Every structure is written in C-alpha cells, then in structure tokens.
Amino acid sequence: MTVSVVPEEPELGQQKWCPGCKEWWPLDEDFWYVQTIPAGSVGHSGGRTFLRTVPVHRWYTLCRACSLEANRTRYLNRREAVRAHYRMWYAEHKNEVSARRREMYAARSAA
C-alpha cells in the first residue's frame, strides 16, 4: 500500500496513491473504502493460522470514485453480455418462440 505524506501538501497528512486516477488522496473514509477485520478473528498467513489481537484496517486499492466507476463499468459490460446472449438465442429460436406464442394466443381466444 502506497501511503505517505506528499511533500507538496504536508498539511493534508497521510495520503494514499490511487492507481486508477493516478492521484494522491487523504487517507480517510471519505475518499477510500475500508474493510475492518475485528480483533479475535482468525487469520491465515503463510500456511499458518493465527488469532488477531488487534483490529486490522484494509484500505481498498482504488479510491471511492474509481471503485464506483469500475463497478459501474463491470456491471454494464456484464449486462450487455447477457443481453447479447439472449439476442443470439432468440435469433436461433425465433420460429419456435413465434409458434408457441401463436398457440398460446389461440388457446386464450378459444377459452
């Protein structure tokens, strides 16, 4: 984790580098997502199991803005992939679907 005091802005205190936007941001929860692992939980490292004696704070790699952008992009890409799959499936099965719909409408109108 790249955390340091930026020489140009020492009054801001500790800052963390975001590789997404390539900027330094203050190390606090306004700019970064943090995962807090409580004391007393079990950890694993190097094939060994241990009990944590102090809480651990894991700061996300990307700042909040870049995390939101990455999640949104991943969501949109996945949604488009699913839609493309269904469009392809429908193109291959269009005649079968149309026949089933005609049968369904005929059964409704007959009843």
C-alpha atoms as a PDB file:
ATOM      1  CA  MET A   1       0.000   0.000   0.000  1.00  0.00           C
ATOM      2  CA  THR A   2       1.478   3.329  -1.023  1.00  0.00           C
ATOM      3  CA  VAL A   3       0.799   5.681   1.877  1.00  0.00           C
ATOM      4  CA  SER A   4       2.930   8.687   2.625  1.00  0.00           C
ATOM      5  CA  VAL A   5       2.969  12.403   3.292  1.00  0.00           C
ATOM      6  CA  VAL A   6       3.121  14.203  -0.058  1.00  0.00           C
ATOM      7  CA  PRO A   7       5.933  16.801   0.091  1.00  0.00           C
ATOM      8  CA  GLU A   8       3.898  19.462  -1.764  1.00  0.00           C
ATOM      9  CA  GLU A   9       0.970  19.195   0.693  1.00  0.00           C
ATOM     10  CA  PRO A  10       2.212  18.232   4.199  1.00  0.00           C
ATOM     11  CA  GLU A  11      -0.795  19.883   5.891  1.00  0.00           C
ATOM     12  CA  LEU A  12      -3.101  17.170   4.496  1.00  0.00           C
ATOM     13  CA  GLY A  13      -1.306  14.457   6.481  1.00  0.00           C
ATOM     14  CA  GLN A  14      -1.083  10.869   5.263  1.00  0.00           C
ATOM     15  CA  GLN A  15      -2.239  10.291   1.717  1.00  0.00           C
ATOM     16  CA  LYS A  16      -2.686   7.206  -0.427  1.00  0.00           C
ATOM     17  CA  TRP A  17      -1.972   6.800  -4.143  1.00  0.00           C
ATOM     18  CA  CYS A  18      -4.838   5.699  -6.388  1.00  0.00           C
ATOM     19  CA  PRO A  19      -3.584   3.782  -9.428  1.00  0.00           C
ATOM     20  CA  GLY A  20      -6.931   4.343 -11.194  1.00  0.00           C
ATOM     21  CA  CYS A  21      -6.913   8.137 -11.379  1.00  0.00           C
ATOM     22  CA  LYS A  22      -3.179   8.432 -10.622  1.00  0.00           C
ATOM     23  CA  GLU A  23      -3.745  10.959  -7.824  1.00  0.00           C
ATOM     24  CA  TRP A  24      -2.952  11.227  -4.127  1.00  0.00           C
ATOM     25  CA  TRP A  25      -5.955  11.383  -1.773  1.00  0.00           C
ATOM     26  CA  PRO A  26      -6.144  11.846   2.018  1.00  0.00           C
ATOM     27  CA  LEU A  27      -6.195   8.537   3.874  1.00  0.00           C
ATOM     28  CA  ASP A  28      -9.668   8.642   5.405  1.00  0.00           C
ATOM     29  CA  GLU A  29     -13.052   7.025   4.841  1.00  0.00           C
ATOM     30  CA  ASP A  30     -14.343   9.984   2.813  1.00  0.00           C
ATOM     31  CA  PHE A  31     -12.013   9.076  -0.064  1.00  0.00           C
ATOM     32  CA  TRP A  32     -11.400   5.330   0.433  1.00  0.00           C
ATOM     33  CA  TYR A  33     -13.417   2.229   1.202  1.00  0.00           C
ATOM     34  CA  VAL A  34     -12.013   0.361   4.191  1.00  0.00           C
ATOM     35  CA  GLN A  35     -12.590  -3.183   5.426  1.00  0.00           C
ATOM     36  CA  THR A  36     -12.168  -3.548   9.185  1.00  0.00           C
ATOM     37  CA  ILE A  37     -11.337  -7.034  10.449  1.00  0.00           C
ATOM     38  CA  PRO A  38     -12.105  -7.250  14.172  1.00  0.00           C
ATOM     39  CA  ALA A  39      -9.725  -8.402  16.873  1.00  0.00           C
ATOM     40  CA  GLY A  40     -10.300 -12.003  17.900  1.00  0.00           C
ATOM     41  CA  SER A  41     -10.947 -13.197  14.349  1.00  0.00           C
ATOM     42  CA  VAL A  42      -8.938 -15.991  12.795  1.00  0.00           C
ATOM     43  CA  GLY A  43      -6.366 -15.156  10.126  1.00  0.00           C
ATOM     44  CA  HIS A  44      -4.248 -17.202   7.755  1.00  0.00           C
ATOM     45  CA  SER A  45      -0.784 -16.343   6.507  1.00  0.00           C
ATOM     46  CA  GLY A  46       1.967 -18.479   5.025  1.00  0.00           C
ATOM     47  CA  GLY A  47       0.075 -21.695   5.730  1.00  0.00           C
ATOM     48  CA  ARG A  48      -0.335 -20.814   9.403  1.00  0.00           C
ATOM     49  CA  THR A  49      -3.467 -19.944  11.317  1.00  0.00           C
ATOM     50  CA  PHE A  50      -3.433 -17.218  13.956  1.00  0.00           C
ATOM     51  CA  LEU A  51      -5.771 -15.219  16.158  1.00  0.00           C
ATOM     52  CA  ARG A  52      -5.788 -11.459  15.578  1.00  0.00           C
ATOM     53  CA  THR A  53      -5.066  -9.454  18.719  1.00  0.00           C
ATOM     54  CA  VAL A  54      -5.808  -6.012  17.230  1.00  0.00           C
ATOM     55  CA  PRO A  55      -8.307  -4.890  14.586  1.00  0.00           C
ATOM     56  CA  VAL A  56      -6.918  -4.668  11.052  1.00  0.00           C
ATOM     57  CA  HIS A  57      -7.928  -1.973   8.545  1.00  0.00           C
ATOM     58  CA  ARG A  58      -7.608  -2.900   4.880  1.00  0.00           C
ATOM     59  CA  TRP A  59      -7.869   0.074   2.558  1.00  0.00           C
ATOM     60  CA  TYR A  60      -9.135  -0.616  -0.959  1.00  0.00           C
ATOM     61  CA  THR A  61      -6.651  -0.167  -3.810  1.00  0.00           C
ATOM     62  CA  LEU A  62      -8.813   2.274  -5.773  1.00  0.00           C
ATOM     63  CA  CYS A  63     -10.316   5.481  -4.377  1.00  0.00           C
ATOM     64  CA  ARG A  64     -14.098   5.654  -3.979  1.00  0.00           C
ATOM     65  CA  ALA A  65     -14.641   7.429  -7.306  1.00  0.00           C
ATOM     66  CA  CYS A  66     -12.547   4.915  -9.260  1.00  0.00           C
ATOM     67  CA  SER A  67     -14.181   1.997  -7.406  1.00  0.00           C
ATOM     68  CA  LEU A  68     -17.654   3.237  -8.332  1.00  0.00           C
ATOM     69  CA  GLU A  69     -16.588   3.748 -11.939  1.00  0.00           C
ATOM     70  CA  ALA A  70     -15.003   0.282 -12.144  1.00  0.00           C
ATOM     71  CA  ASN A  71     -18.088  -1.374 -10.607  1.00  0.00           C
ATOM     72  CA  ARG A  72     -20.415   0.505 -12.972  1.00  0.00           C
ATOM     73  CA  THR A  73     -18.297  -0.466 -15.996  1.00  0.00           C
ATOM     74  CA  ARG A  74     -18.195  -4.110 -14.885  1.00  0.00           C
ATOM     75  CA  TYR A  75     -21.984  -4.087 -14.382  1.00  0.00           C
ATOM     76  CA  LEU A  76     -22.645  -2.541 -17.810  1.00  0.00           C
ATOM     77  CA  ASN A  77     -20.294  -4.978 -19.561  1.00  0.00           C
ATOM     78  CA  ARG A  78     -21.953  -7.947 -17.859  1.00  0.00           C
ATOM     79  CA  ARG A  79     -25.451  -6.652 -18.653  1.00  0.00           C
ATOM     80  CA  GLU A  80     -24.521  -6.210 -22.317  1.00  0.00           C
ATOM     81  CA  ALA A  81     -23.039  -9.728 -22.450  1.00  0.00           C
ATOM     82  CA  VAL A  82     -26.264 -11.209 -21.046  1.00  0.00           C
ATOM     83  CA  ARG A  83     -28.404  -9.202 -23.475  1.00  0.00           C
ATOM     84  CA  ALA A  84     -26.215 -10.260 -26.404  1.00  0.00           C
ATOM     85  CA  HIS A  85     -26.596 -13.893 -25.335  1.00  0.00           C
ATOM     86  CA  TYR A  86     -30.390 -13.627 -25.258  1.00  0.00           C
ATOM     87  CA  ARG A  87     -30.471 -11.793 -28.620  1.00  0.00           C
ATOM     88  CA  MET A  88     -28.372 -14.589 -30.151  1.00  0.00           C
ATOM     89  CA  TRP A  89     -30.573 -17.268 -28.572  1.00  0.00           C
ATOM     90  CA  TYR A  90     -33.759 -15.573 -29.804  1.00  0.00           C
ATOM     91  CA  ALA A  91     -32.349 -15.256 -33.334  1.00  0.00           C
ATOM     92  CA  GLU A  92     -31.695 -19.008 -33.367  1.00  0.00           C
ATOM     93  CA  HIS A  93     -35.075 -19.976 -31.852  1.00  0.00           C
ATOM     94  CA  LYS A  94     -37.313 -17.276 -33.309  1.00  0.00           C
ATOM     95  CA  ASN A  95     -39.564 -19.663 -35.250  1.00  0.00           C
ATOM     96  CA  GLU A  96     -40.142 -21.893 -32.209  1.00  0.00           C
ATOM     97  CA  VAL A  97     -40.956 -18.919 -29.992  1.00  0.00           C
ATOM     98  CA  SER A  98     -43.362 -17.492 -32.576  1.00  0.00           C
ATOM     99  CA  ALA A  99     -45.138 -20.847 -32.907  1.00  0.00           C
ATOM    100  CA  ARG A 100     -45.530 -21.145 -29.121  1.00  0.00           C
ATOM    101  CA  ARG A 101     -46.912 -17.619 -28.909  1.00  0.00           C
ATOM    102  CA  ARG A 102     -49.440 -18.324 -31.656  1.00  0.00           C
ATOM    103  CA  GLU A 103     -50.553 -21.474 -29.819  1.00  0.00           C
ATOM    104  CA  MET A 104     -50.848 -19.585 -26.531  1.00  0.00           C
ATOM    105  CA  TYR A 105     -52.908 -16.757 -28.095  1.00  0.00           C
ATOM    106  CA  ALA A 106     -55.120 -19.265 -29.888  1.00  0.00           C
ATOM    107  CA  ALA A 107     -55.787 -21.109 -26.618  1.00  0.00           C
ATOM    108  CA  ARG A 108     -56.641 -17.833 -24.843  1.00  0.00           C
ATOM    109  CA  SER A 109     -59.025 -16.680 -27.544  1.00  0.00           C
ATOM    110  CA  ALA A 110     -60.735 -20.078 -27.690  1.00  0.00           C
ATOM    111  CA  ALA A 111     -61.427 -20.054 -23.935  1.00  0.00           C
END
